[in-house]
Amino acid sequence: QVQLVESGGGLVQAGGSLRLSCAASGRIFSINAMGWYRQAPGKQRELVAAIISGGSTNYADSVKGRFTISRDNAKNTVYLQMNSLKPEDTAVYYCNLNRDFLDYWGQGTQVTVFS
């Protein structure tokens, strides 16, 4: 099994920053990718950013230039640095790990951006 523990969400004013962390444990070998998704009320869950096993990254157009995903392999942790936050970034953010083409999810952390 895989366990994902997220932290770092909260309430922030527009233009501010937050950093999310996701620590992975358990059977975390042969990882294809890790990333962050978000789901706002009444909307579908969407990809925010992902980092592939080779190190390449992928971002949603709406966050390019503002968010940065990174990982610390020694700590089995992936981070999402979120800058210049906007009210439309408000959502529950979920950590995702894809291994052997199966998806594992964290419990989610709320990010609320107020103007």
PDB file of N, CA and C in Angstrom:
ATOM      1  N   GLN A   1       0.820  -1.198   0.000  1.00  0.00           N
ATOM      2  CA  GLN A   1       0.000   0.000   0.000  1.00  0.00           C
ATOM      3  C   GLN A   1       0.853   1.246   0.000  1.00  0.00           C
ATOM      4  N   VAL A   2       0.232   2.342  -0.355  1.00  0.00           N
ATOM      5  CA  VAL A   2       0.894   3.638  -0.395  1.00  0.00           C
ATOM      6  C   VAL A   2       0.121   4.600   0.497  1.00  0.00           C
ATOM      7  N   GLN A   3       0.845   5.326   1.302  1.00  0.00           N
ATOM      8  CA  GLN A   3       0.233   6.363   2.130  1.00  0.00           C
ATOM      9  C   GLN A   3       0.795   7.716   1.712  1.00  0.00           C
ATOM     10  N   LEU A   4      -0.101   8.676   1.585  1.00  0.00           N
ATOM     11  CA  LEU A   4       0.275  10.040   1.212  1.00  0.00           C
ATOM     12  C   LEU A   4      -0.279  10.975   2.281  1.00  0.00           C
ATOM     13  N   VAL A   5       0.599  11.770   2.857  1.00  0.00           N
ATOM     14  CA  VAL A   5       0.186  12.705   3.900  1.00  0.00           C
ATOM     15  C   VAL A   5       0.508  14.114   3.429  1.00  0.00           C
ATOM     16  N   GLU A   6      -0.522  14.918   3.302  1.00  0.00           N
ATOM     17  CA  GLU A   6      -0.379  16.288   2.810  1.00  0.00           C
ATOM     18  C   GLU A   6      -0.367  17.271   3.971  1.00  0.00           C
ATOM     19  N   SER A   7       0.272  18.390   3.721  1.00  0.00           N
ATOM     20  CA  SER A   7       0.257  19.482   4.686  1.00  0.00           C
ATOM     21  C   SER A   7       0.501  20.784   3.947  1.00  0.00           C
ATOM     22  N   GLY A   8       0.191  21.892   4.614  1.00  0.00           N
ATOM     23  CA  GLY A   8       0.543  23.191   4.074  1.00  0.00           C
ATOM     24  C   GLY A   8      -0.603  24.026   3.547  1.00  0.00           C
ATOM     25  N   GLY A   9      -1.800  23.507   3.531  1.00  0.00           N
ATOM     26  CA  GLY A   9      -2.919  24.312   3.068  1.00  0.00           C
ATOM     27  C   GLY A   9      -3.262  25.397   4.075  1.00  0.00           C
ATOM     28  N   GLY A  10      -4.196  26.248   3.703  1.00  0.00           N
ATOM     29  CA  GLY A  10      -4.608  27.294   4.621  1.00  0.00           C
ATOM     30  C   GLY A  10      -5.339  28.415   3.933  1.00  0.00           C
ATOM     31  N   LEU A  11      -5.439  29.522   4.657  1.00  0.00           N
ATOM     32  CA  LEU A  11      -6.140  30.719   4.198  1.00  0.00           C
ATOM     33  C   LEU A  11      -5.096  31.788   3.892  1.00  0.00           C
ATOM     34  N   VAL A  12      -5.197  32.366   2.693  1.00  0.00           N
ATOM     35  CA  VAL A  12      -4.207  33.358   2.298  1.00  0.00           C
ATOM     36  C   VAL A  12      -4.872  34.434   1.450  1.00  0.00           C
ATOM     37  N   GLN A  13      -4.353  35.623   1.550  1.00  0.00           N
ATOM     38  CA  GLN A  13      -4.868  36.724   0.748  1.00  0.00           C
ATOM     39  C   GLN A  13      -4.356  36.613  -0.682  1.00  0.00           C
ATOM     40  N   ALA A  14      -5.141  37.096  -1.614  1.00  0.00           N
ATOM     41  CA  ALA A  14      -4.738  37.094  -3.017  1.00  0.00           C
ATOM     42  C   ALA A  14      -3.381  37.769  -3.173  1.00  0.00           C
ATOM     43  N   GLY A  15      -2.534  37.138  -3.977  1.00  0.00           N
ATOM     44  CA  GLY A  15      -1.177  37.623  -4.165  1.00  0.00           C
ATOM     45  C   GLY A  15      -0.173  36.973  -3.248  1.00  0.00           C
ATOM     46  N   GLY A  16      -0.668  36.246  -2.265  1.00  0.00           N
ATOM     47  CA  GLY A  16       0.209  35.589  -1.323  1.00  0.00           C
ATOM     48  C   GLY A  16       0.706  34.252  -1.819  1.00  0.00           C
ATOM     49  N   SER A  17       1.398  33.551  -0.925  1.00  0.00           N
ATOM     50  CA  SER A  17       2.024  32.280  -1.271  1.00  0.00           C
ATOM     51  C   SER A  17       1.718  31.220  -0.229  1.00  0.00           C
ATOM     52  N   LEU A  18       1.730  29.985  -0.683  1.00  0.00           N
ATOM     53  CA  LEU A  18       1.642  28.825   0.189  1.00  0.00           C
ATOM     54  C   LEU A  18       2.523  27.733  -0.403  1.00  0.00           C
ATOM     55  N   ARG A  19       2.978  26.847   0.451  1.00  0.00           N
ATOM     56  CA  ARG A  19       3.704  25.671  -0.027  1.00  0.00           C
ATOM     57  C   ARG A  19       3.041  24.426   0.533  1.00  0.00           C
ATOM     58  N   LEU A  20       2.653  23.558  -0.370  1.00  0.00           N
ATOM     59  CA  LEU A  20       2.081  22.273   0.015  1.00  0.00           C
ATOM     60  C   LEU A  20       3.170  21.209   0.010  1.00  0.00           C
ATOM     61  N   SER A  21       3.044  20.274   0.932  1.00  0.00           N
ATOM     62  CA  SER A  21       3.968  19.142   0.999  1.00  0.00           C
ATOM     63  C   SER A  21       3.173  17.854   0.987  1.00  0.00           C
ATOM     64  N   CYS A  22       3.760  16.830   0.410  1.00  0.00           N
ATOM     65  CA  CYS A  22       3.139  15.511   0.381  1.00  0.00           C
ATOM     66  C   CYS A  22       4.229  14.473   0.629  1.00  0.00           C
ATOM     67  N   ALA A  23       4.128  13.816   1.764  1.00  0.00           N
ATOM     68  CA  ALA A  23       5.104  12.786   2.124  1.00  0.00           C
ATOM     69  C   ALA A  23       4.525  11.423   1.803  1.00  0.00           C
ATOM     70  N   ALA A  24       5.275  10.650   1.039  1.00  0.00           N
ATOM     71  CA  ALA A  24       4.839   9.323   0.630  1.00  0.00           C
ATOM     72  C   ALA A  24       5.551   8.259   1.454  1.00  0.00           C
ATOM     73  N   SER A  25       4.823   7.188   1.758  1.00  0.00           N
ATOM     74  CA  SER A  25       5.408   6.056   2.470  1.00  0.00           C
ATOM     75  C   SER A  25       4.728   4.782   2.004  1.00  0.00           C
ATOM     76  N   GLY A  26       5.324   3.662   2.391  1.00  0.00           N
ATOM     77  CA  GLY A  26       4.766   2.385   1.969  1.00  0.00           C
ATOM     78  C   GLY A  26       5.473   1.849   0.736  1.00  0.00           C
ATOM     79  N   ARG A  27       4.726   1.231  -0.152  1.00  0.00           N
ATOM     80  CA  ARG A  27       5.294   0.616  -1.346  1.00  0.00           C
ATOM     81  C   ARG A  27       5.492   1.667  -2.430  1.00  0.00           C
ATOM     82  N   ILE A  28       6.513   2.460  -2.246  1.00  0.00           N
ATOM     83  CA  ILE A  28       6.715   3.598  -3.143  1.00  0.00           C
ATOM     84  C   ILE A  28       7.873   3.366  -4.095  1.00  0.00           C
ATOM     85  N   PHE A  29       7.901   2.189  -4.681  1.00  0.00           N
ATOM     86  CA  PHE A  29       8.881   1.916  -5.715  1.00  0.00           C
ATOM     87  C   PHE A  29       8.173   1.940  -7.064  1.00  0.00           C
ATOM     88  N   SER A  30       8.947   2.036  -8.103  1.00  0.00           N
ATOM     89  CA  SER A  30       8.411   2.041  -9.473  1.00  0.00           C
ATOM     90  C   SER A  30       7.346   3.118  -9.658  1.00  0.00           C
ATOM     91  N   ILE A  31       7.635   4.291  -9.123  1.00  0.00           N
ATOM     92  CA  ILE A  31       6.687   5.396  -9.245  1.00  0.00           C
ATOM     93  C   ILE A  31       6.766   5.970 -10.653  1.00  0.00           C
ATOM     94  N   ASN A  32       5.627   6.125 -11.274  1.00  0.00           N
ATOM     95  CA  ASN A  32       5.580   6.746 -12.595  1.00  0.00           C
ATOM     96  C   ASN A  32       5.579   8.267 -12.493  1.00  0.00           C
ATOM     97  N   ALA A  33       4.786   8.749 -11.543  1.00  0.00           N
ATOM     98  CA  ALA A  33       4.667  10.194 -11.400  1.00  0.00           C
ATOM     99  C   ALA A  33       4.051  10.531 -10.052  1.00  0.00           C
ATOM    100  N   MET A  34       4.327  11.724  -9.591  1.00  0.00           N
ATOM    101  CA  MET A  34       3.639  12.290  -8.436  1.00  0.00           C
ATOM    102  C   MET A  34       3.172  13.675  -8.832  1.00  0.00           C
ATOM    103  N   GLY A  35       2.076  14.081  -8.229  1.00  0.00           N
ATOM    104  CA  GLY A  35       1.580  15.385  -8.602  1.00  0.00           C
ATOM    105  C   GLY A  35       0.502  15.887  -7.674  1.00  0.00           C
ATOM    106  N   TRP A  36      -0.057  16.996  -8.067  1.00  0.00           N
ATOM    107  CA  TRP A  36      -1.115  17.654  -7.313  1.00  0.00           C
ATOM    108  C   TRP A  36      -2.314  17.888  -8.228  1.00  0.00           C
ATOM    109  N   TYR A  37      -3.470  17.566  -7.699  1.00  0.00           N
ATOM    110  CA  TYR A  37      -4.732  17.867  -8.333  1.00  0.00           C
ATOM    111  C   TYR A  37      -5.524  18.774  -7.398  1.00  0.00           C
ATOM    112  N   ARG A  38      -6.535  19.411  -7.934  1.00  0.00           N
ATOM    113  CA  ARG A  38      -7.410  20.214  -7.086  1.00  0.00           C
ATOM    114  C   ARG A  38      -8.852  20.064  -7.533  1.00  0.00           C
ATOM    115  N   GLN A  39      -9.736  20.296  -6.582  1.00  0.00           N
ATOM    116  CA  GLN A  39     -11.157  20.230  -6.868  1.00  0.00           C
ATOM    117  C   GLN A  39     -11.856  21.360  -6.143  1.00  0.00           C
ATOM    118  N   ALA A  40     -12.440  22.237  -6.925  1.00  0.00           N
ATOM    119  CA  ALA A  40     -13.231  23.329  -6.371  1.00  0.00           C
ATOM    120  C   ALA A  40     -14.688  22.886  -6.271  1.00  0.00           C
ATOM    121  N   PRO A  41     -15.475  23.523  -5.422  1.00  0.00           N
ATOM    122  CA  PRO A  41     -16.887  23.134  -5.270  1.00  0.00           C
ATOM    123  C   PRO A  41     -17.622  23.178  -6.601  1.00  0.00           C
ATOM    124  N   GLY A  42     -18.309  22.086  -6.899  1.00  0.00           N
ATOM    125  CA  GLY A  42     -19.095  22.025  -8.120  1.00  0.00           C
ATOM    126  C   GLY A  42     -18.305  21.786  -9.381  1.00  0.00           C
ATOM    127  N   LYS A  43     -17.004  21.541  -9.232  1.00  0.00           N
ATOM    128  CA  LYS A  43     -16.163  21.333 -10.405  1.00  0.00           C
ATOM    129  C   LYS A  43     -15.481  19.978 -10.334  1.00  0.00           C
ATOM    130  N   GLN A  44     -14.993  19.533 -11.485  1.00  0.00           N
ATOM    131  CA  GLN A  44     -14.275  18.264 -11.529  1.00  0.00           C
ATOM    132  C   GLN A  44     -12.854  18.446 -11.009  1.00  0.00           C
ATOM    133  N   ARG A  45     -12.297  17.353 -10.536  1.00  0.00           N
ATOM    134  CA  ARG A  45     -10.909  17.375 -10.113  1.00  0.00           C
ATOM    135  C   ARG A  45     -10.029  17.580 -11.339  1.00  0.00           C
ATOM    136  N   GLU A  46      -9.033  18.455 -11.194  1.00  0.00           N
ATOM    137  CA  GLU A  46      -8.170  18.758 -12.320  1.00  0.00           C
ATOM    138  C   GLU A  46      -6.704  18.685 -11.914  1.00  0.00           C
ATOM    139  N   LEU A  47      -5.878  18.363 -12.895  1.00  0.00           N
ATOM    140  CA  LEU A  47      -4.443  18.331 -12.668  1.00  0.00           C
ATOM    141  C   LEU A  47      -3.923  19.748 -12.484  1.00  0.00           C
ATOM    142  N   VAL A  48      -3.104  19.936 -11.463  1.00  0.00           N
ATOM    143  CA  VAL A  48      -2.437  21.213 -11.253  1.00  0.00           C
ATOM    144  C   VAL A  48      -0.998  21.123 -11.745  1.00  0.00           C
ATOM    145  N   ALA A  49      -0.277  20.127 -11.263  1.00  0.00           N
ATOM    146  CA  ALA A  49       1.121  19.958 -11.643  1.00  0.00           C
ATOM    147  C   ALA A  49       1.536  18.528 -11.351  1.00  0.00           C
ATOM    148  N   ALA A  50       2.447  18.032 -12.151  1.00  0.00           N
ATOM    149  CA  ALA A  50       2.957  16.679 -11.952  1.00  0.00           C
ATOM    150  C   ALA A  50       4.436  16.644 -12.265  1.00  0.00           C
ATOM    151  N   ILE A  51       5.127  15.729 -11.605  1.00  0.00           N
ATOM    152  CA  ILE A  51       6.545  15.514 -11.872  1.00  0.00           C
ATOM    153  C   ILE A  51       6.711  14.038 -12.191  1.00  0.00           C
ATOM    154  N   ILE A  52       7.261  13.793 -13.366  1.00  0.00           N
ATOM    155  CA  ILE A  52       7.373  12.432 -13.872  1.00  0.00           C
ATOM    156  C   ILE A  52       8.653  11.806 -13.331  1.00  0.00           C
ATOM    157  N   SER A  53       8.749  10.481 -13.405  1.00  0.00           N
ATOM    158  CA  SER A  53       9.868   9.772 -12.795  1.00  0.00           C
ATOM    159  C   SER A  53      11.211  10.267 -13.312  1.00  0.00           C
ATOM    160  N   GLY A  54      11.276  10.671 -14.574  1.00  0.00           N
ATOM    161  CA  GLY A  54      12.532  11.158 -15.128  1.00  0.00           C
ATOM    162  C   GLY A  54      12.865  12.574 -14.716  1.00  0.00           C
ATOM    163  N   GLY A  55      11.920  13.245 -14.064  1.00  0.00           N
ATOM    164  CA  GLY A  55      12.167  14.596 -13.585  1.00  0.00           C
ATOM    165  C   GLY A  55      11.454  15.687 -14.347  1.00  0.00           C
ATOM    166  N   SER A  56      10.856  15.353 -15.456  1.00  0.00           N
ATOM    167  CA  SER A  56      10.136  16.374 -16.215  1.00  0.00           C
ATOM    168  C   SER A  56       8.862  16.759 -15.472  1.00  0.00           C
ATOM    169  N   THR A  57       8.390  17.953 -15.765  1.00  0.00           N
ATOM    170  CA  THR A  57       7.223  18.472 -15.070  1.00  0.00           C
ATOM    171  C   THR A  57       6.135  18.868 -16.059  1.00  0.00           C
ATOM    172  N   ASN A  58       4.929  18.927 -15.539  1.00  0.00           N
ATOM    173  CA  ASN A  58       3.774  19.285 -16.350  1.00  0.00           C
ATOM    174  C   ASN A  58       2.861  20.156 -15.499  1.00  0.00           C
ATOM    175  N   TYR A  59       2.383  21.262 -16.073  1.00  0.00           N
ATOM    176  CA  TYR A  59       1.545  22.196 -15.331  1.00  0.00           C
ATOM    177  C   TYR A  59       0.267  22.506 -16.085  1.00  0.00           C
ATOM    178  N   ALA A  60      -0.780  22.769 -15.332  1.00  0.00           N
ATOM    179  CA  ALA A  60      -1.988  23.311 -15.936  1.00  0.00           C
ATOM    180  C   ALA A  60      -1.681  24.721 -16.429  1.00  0.00           C
ATOM    181  N   ASP A  61      -2.295  25.105 -17.528  1.00  0.00           N
ATOM    182  CA  ASP A  61      -2.044  26.431 -18.082  1.00  0.00           C
ATOM    183  C   ASP A  61      -2.357  27.531 -17.063  1.00  0.00           C
ATOM    184  N   SER A  62      -3.352  27.288 -16.237  1.00  0.00           N
ATOM    185  CA  SER A  62      -3.804  28.321 -15.305  1.00  0.00           C
ATOM    186  C   SER A  62      -2.796  28.615 -14.198  1.00  0.00           C
ATOM    187  N   VAL A  63      -1.821  27.726 -14.007  1.00  0.00           N
ATOM    188  CA  VAL A  63      -0.858  27.934 -12.914  1.00  0.00           C
ATOM    189  C   VAL A  63       0.568  28.127 -13.409  1.00  0.00           C
ATOM    190  N   LYS A  64       0.787  28.004 -14.698  1.00  0.00           N
ATOM    191  CA  LYS A  64       2.140  28.170 -15.239  1.00  0.00           C
ATOM    192  C   LYS A  64       2.689  29.538 -14.881  1.00  0.00           C
ATOM    193  N   GLY A  65       3.933  29.537 -14.423  1.00  0.00           N
ATOM    194  CA  GLY A  65       4.573  30.777 -14.036  1.00  0.00           C
ATOM    195  C   GLY A  65       4.292  31.197 -12.611  1.00  0.00           C
ATOM    196  N   ARG A  66       3.331  30.551 -11.962  1.00  0.00           N
ATOM    197  CA  ARG A  66       2.998  30.896 -10.575  1.00  0.00           C
ATOM    198  C   ARG A  66       3.299  29.746  -9.607  1.00  0.00           C
ATOM    199  N   PHE A  67       3.089  28.518 -10.070  1.00  0.00           N
ATOM    200  CA  PHE A  67       3.292  27.342  -9.218  1.00  0.00           C
ATOM    201  C   PHE A  67       4.529  26.586  -9.675  1.00  0.00           C
ATOM    202  N   THR A  68       5.199  25.972  -8.711  1.00  0.00           N
ATOM    203  CA  THR A  68       6.361  25.155  -9.021  1.00  0.00           C
ATOM    204  C   THR A  68       6.279  23.856  -8.237  1.00  0.00           C
ATOM    205  N   ILE A  69       6.390  22.747  -8.945  1.00  0.00           N
ATOM    206  CA  ILE A  69       6.415  21.447  -8.287  1.00  0.00           C
ATOM    207  C   ILE A  69       7.850  20.971  -8.192  1.00  0.00           C
ATOM    208  N   SER A  70       8.173  20.333  -7.073  1.00  0.00           N
ATOM    209  CA  SER A  70       9.519  19.813  -6.888  1.00  0.00           C
ATOM    210  C   SER A  70       9.441  18.583  -5.994  1.00  0.00           C
ATOM    211  N   ARG A  71      10.528  17.854  -5.915  1.00  0.00           N
ATOM    212  CA  ARG A  71      10.529  16.663  -5.074  1.00  0.00           C
ATOM    213  C   ARG A  71      11.874  16.505  -4.390  1.00  0.00           C
ATOM    214  N   ASP A  72      11.802  15.864  -3.244  1.00  0.00           N
ATOM    215  CA  ASP A  72      13.000  15.499  -2.490  1.00  0.00           C
ATOM    216  C   ASP A  72      12.980  13.985  -2.391  1.00  0.00           C
ATOM    217  N   ASN A  73      13.779  13.339  -3.224  1.00  0.00           N
ATOM    218  CA  ASN A  73      13.754  11.878  -3.268  1.00  0.00           C
ATOM    219  C   ASN A  73      14.198  11.252  -1.953  1.00  0.00           C
ATOM    220  N   ALA A  74      15.106  11.901  -1.266  1.00  0.00           N
ATOM    221  CA  ALA A  74      15.593  11.360   0.005  1.00  0.00           C
ATOM    222  C   ALA A  74      14.482  11.330   1.050  1.00  0.00           C
ATOM    223  N   LYS A  75      13.563  12.274   0.945  1.00  0.00           N
ATOM    224  CA  LYS A  75      12.463  12.347   1.917  1.00  0.00           C
ATOM    225  C   LYS A  75      11.166  11.785   1.359  1.00  0.00           C
ATOM    226  N   ASN A  76      11.211  11.309   0.114  1.00  0.00           N
ATOM    227  CA  ASN A  76       9.988  10.805  -0.535  1.00  0.00           C
ATOM    228  C   ASN A  76       8.864  11.827  -0.454  1.00  0.00           C
ATOM    229  N   THR A  77       9.208  13.049  -0.703  1.00  0.00           N
ATOM    230  CA  THR A  77       8.258  14.143  -0.547  1.00  0.00           C
ATOM    231  C   THR A  77       8.208  14.986  -1.820  1.00  0.00           C
ATOM    232  N   VAL A  78       7.011  15.396  -2.166  1.00  0.00           N
ATOM    233  CA  VAL A  78       6.819  16.309  -3.291  1.00  0.00           C
ATOM    234  C   VAL A  78       6.198  17.591  -2.753  1.00  0.00           C
ATOM    235  N   TYR A  79       6.614  18.690  -3.343  1.00  0.00           N
ATOM    236  CA  TYR A  79       6.175  20.000  -2.890  1.00  0.00           C
ATOM    237  C   TYR A  79       5.471  20.741  -4.018  1.00  0.00           C
ATOM    238  N   LEU A  80       4.590  21.635  -3.628  1.00  0.00           N
ATOM    239  CA  LEU A  80       3.985  22.551  -4.591  1.00  0.00           C
ATOM    240  C   LEU A  80       4.095  23.952  -4.012  1.00  0.00           C
ATOM    241  N   GLN A  81       4.980  24.728  -4.594  1.00  0.00           N
ATOM    242  CA  GLN A  81       5.120  26.126  -4.206  1.00  0.00           C
ATOM    243  C   GLN A  81       4.139  26.946  -5.025  1.00  0.00           C
ATOM    244  N   MET A  82       3.256  27.630  -4.333  1.00  0.00           N
ATOM    245  CA  MET A  82       2.203  28.394  -5.004  1.00  0.00           C
ATOM    246  C   MET A  82       2.396  29.876  -4.699  1.00  0.00           C
ATOM    247  N   ASN A  83       2.688  30.635  -5.725  1.00  0.00           N
ATOM    248  CA  ASN A  83       2.882  32.079  -5.594  1.00  0.00           C
ATOM    249  C   ASN A  83       1.807  32.824  -6.355  1.00  0.00           C
ATOM    250  N   SER A  84       1.677  34.098  -6.048  1.00  0.00           N
ATOM    251  CA  SER A  84       0.695  34.956  -6.733  1.00  0.00           C
ATOM    252  C   SER A  84      -0.680  34.295  -6.760  1.00  0.00           C
ATOM    253  N   LEU A  85      -1.088  33.813  -5.621  1.00  0.00           N
ATOM    254  CA  LEU A  85      -2.353  33.085  -5.555  1.00  0.00           C
ATOM    255  C   LEU A  85      -3.528  33.985  -5.884  1.00  0.00           C
ATOM    256  N   LYS A  86      -4.534  33.369  -6.499  1.00  0.00           N
ATOM    257  CA  LYS A  86      -5.749  34.057  -6.910  1.00  0.00           C
ATOM    258  C   LYS A  86      -6.957  33.402  -6.256  1.00  0.00           C
ATOM    259  N   PRO A  87      -8.045  34.137  -6.107  1.00  0.00           N
ATOM    260  CA  PRO A  87      -9.246  33.506  -5.523  1.00  0.00           C
ATOM    261  C   PRO A  87      -9.678  32.257  -6.288  1.00  0.00           C
ATOM    262  N   GLU A  88      -9.455  32.230  -7.583  1.00  0.00           N
ATOM    263  CA  GLU A  88      -9.855  31.052  -8.361  1.00  0.00           C
ATOM    264  C   GLU A  88      -8.970  29.835  -8.102  1.00  0.00           C
ATOM    265  N   ASP A  89      -7.909  29.997  -7.330  1.00  0.00           N
ATOM    266  CA  ASP A  89      -7.097  28.857  -6.911  1.00  0.00           C
ATOM    267  C   ASP A  89      -7.704  28.148  -5.705  1.00  0.00           C
ATOM    268  N   THR A  90      -8.749  28.714  -5.147  1.00  0.00           N
ATOM    269  CA  THR A  90      -9.399  28.103  -3.990  1.00  0.00           C
ATOM    270  C   THR A  90      -9.950  26.733  -4.351  1.00  0.00           C
ATOM    271  N   ALA A  91      -9.551  25.727  -3.580  1.00  0.00           N
ATOM    272  CA  ALA A  91      -9.956  24.350  -3.853  1.00  0.00           C
ATOM    273  C   ALA A  91      -9.383  23.452  -2.772  1.00  0.00           C
ATOM    274  N   VAL A  92      -9.813  22.207  -2.801  1.00  0.00           N
ATOM    275  CA  VAL A  92      -9.123  21.171  -2.034  1.00  0.00           C
ATOM    276  C   VAL A  92      -8.043  20.602  -2.946  1.00  0.00           C
ATOM    277  N   TYR A  93      -6.832  20.575  -2.450  1.00  0.00           N
ATOM    278  CA  TYR A  93      -5.693  20.087  -3.217  1.00  0.00           C
ATOM    279  C   TYR A  93      -5.351  18.679  -2.749  1.00  0.00           C
ATOM    280  N   TYR A  94      -5.214  17.786  -3.728  1.00  0.00           N
ATOM    281  CA  TYR A  94      -4.944  16.383  -3.447  1.00  0.00           C
ATOM    282  C   TYR A  94      -3.594  15.979  -4.018  1.00  0.00           C
ATOM    283  N   CYS A  95      -2.832  15.294  -3.208  1.00  0.00           N
ATOM    284  CA  CYS A  95      -1.593  14.708  -3.689  1.00  0.00           C
ATOM    285  C   CYS A  95      -1.913  13.394  -4.402  1.00  0.00           C
ATOM    286  N   ASN A  96      -1.214  13.147  -5.468  1.00  0.00           N
ATOM    287  CA  ASN A  96      -1.425  11.933  -6.255  1.00  0.00           C
ATOM    288  C   ASN A  96      -0.088  11.247  -6.504  1.00  0.00           C
ATOM    289  N   LEU A  97      -0.114   9.932  -6.410  1.00  0.00           N
ATOM    290  CA  LEU A  97       1.039   9.116  -6.773  1.00  0.00           C
ATOM    291  C   LEU A  97       0.557   8.039  -7.718  1.00  0.00           C
ATOM    292  N   ASN A  98       1.244   7.918  -8.836  1.00  0.00           N
ATOM    293  CA  ASN A  98       0.895   6.886  -9.806  1.00  0.00           C
ATOM    294  C   ASN A  98       2.003   5.841  -9.822  1.00  0.00           C
ATOM    295  N   ARG A  99       1.635   4.611  -9.509  1.00  0.00           N
ATOM    296  CA  ARG A  99       2.604   3.507  -9.473  1.00  0.00           C
ATOM    297  C   ARG A  99       1.973   2.305 -10.145  1.00  0.00           C
ATOM    298  N   ASP A 100       2.723   1.734 -11.061  1.00  0.00           N
ATOM    299  CA  ASP A 100       2.186   0.586 -11.799  1.00  0.00           C
ATOM    300  C   ASP A 100       0.823   0.922 -12.394  1.00  0.00           C
ATOM    301  N   PHE A 101       0.673   2.181 -12.799  1.00  0.00           N
ATOM    302  CA  PHE A 101      -0.531   2.669 -13.458  1.00  0.00           C
ATOM    303  C   PHE A 101      -1.759   2.624 -12.552  1.00  0.00           C
ATOM    304  N   LEU A 102      -1.508   2.615 -11.242  1.00  0.00           N
ATOM    305  CA  LEU A 102      -2.581   2.773 -10.267  1.00  0.00           C
ATOM    306  C   LEU A 102      -2.402   4.122  -9.585  1.00  0.00           C
ATOM    307  N   ASP A 103      -3.499   4.770  -9.290  1.00  0.00           N
ATOM    308  CA  ASP A 103      -3.464   6.074  -8.643  1.00  0.00           C
ATOM    309  C   ASP A 103      -3.734   5.940  -7.144  1.00  0.00           C
ATOM    310  N   TYR A 104      -2.920   6.623  -6.380  1.00  0.00           N
ATOM    311  CA  TYR A 104      -3.111   6.724  -4.937  1.00  0.00           C
ATOM    312  C   TYR A 104      -3.305   8.201  -4.598  1.00  0.00           C
ATOM    313  N   TRP A 105      -4.152   8.450  -3.608  1.00  0.00           N
ATOM    314  CA  TRP A 105      -4.525   9.826  -3.285  1.00  0.00           C
ATOM    315  C   TRP A 105      -4.327  10.127  -1.811  1.00  0.00           C
ATOM    316  N   GLY A 106      -3.964  11.365  -1.548  1.00  0.00           N
ATOM    317  CA  GLY A 106      -3.943  11.843  -0.182  1.00  0.00           C
ATOM    318  C   GLY A 106      -5.348  12.252   0.247  1.00  0.00           C
ATOM    319  N   GLN A 107      -5.441  12.707   1.472  1.00  0.00           N
ATOM    320  CA  GLN A 107      -6.751  13.043   2.030  1.00  0.00           C
ATOM    321  C   GLN A 107      -7.239  14.417   1.591  1.00  0.00           C
ATOM    322  N   GLY A 108      -6.345  15.204   1.051  1.00  0.00           N
ATOM    323  CA  GLY A 108      -6.714  16.532   0.581  1.00  0.00           C
ATOM    324  C   GLY A 108      -6.421  17.601   1.616  1.00  0.00           C
ATOM    325  N   THR A 109      -6.055  18.770   1.139  1.00  0.00           N
ATOM    326  CA  THR A 109      -5.818  19.917   2.020  1.00  0.00           C
ATOM    327  C   THR A 109      -6.469  21.140   1.391  1.00  0.00           C
ATOM    328  N   GLN A 110      -7.167  21.892   2.224  1.00  0.00           N
ATOM    329  CA  GLN A 110      -7.938  23.035   1.724  1.00  0.00           C
ATOM    330  C   GLN A 110      -7.024  24.244   1.528  1.00  0.00           C
ATOM    331  N   VAL A 111      -7.157  24.863   0.380  1.00  0.00           N
ATOM    332  CA  VAL A 111      -6.497  26.139   0.097  1.00  0.00           C
ATOM    333  C   VAL A 111      -7.606  27.148  -0.212  1.00  0.00           C
ATOM    334  N   THR A 112      -7.625  28.217   0.561  1.00  0.00           N
ATOM    335  CA  THR A 112      -8.628  29.262   0.360  1.00  0.00           C
ATOM    336  C   THR A 112      -7.916  30.594   0.155  1.00  0.00           C
ATOM    337  N   VAL A 113      -8.208  31.233  -0.964  1.00  0.00           N
ATOM    338  CA  VAL A 113      -7.594  32.517  -1.305  1.00  0.00           C
ATOM    339  C   VAL A 113      -8.690  33.570  -1.316  1.00  0.00           C
ATOM    340  N   PHE A 114      -8.528  34.599  -0.490  1.00  0.00           N
ATOM    341  CA  PHE A 114      -9.534  35.654  -0.417  1.00  0.00           C
ATOM    342  C   PHE A 114      -8.971  36.952  -0.989  1.00  0.00           C
ATOM    343  N   SER A 115      -9.869  37.733  -1.544  1.00  0.00           N
ATOM    344  CA  SER A 115      -9.439  38.997  -2.170  1.00  0.00           C
ATOM    345  C   SER A 115      -9.650  40.177  -1.230  1.00  0.00           C
TER     346      SER A 115
END
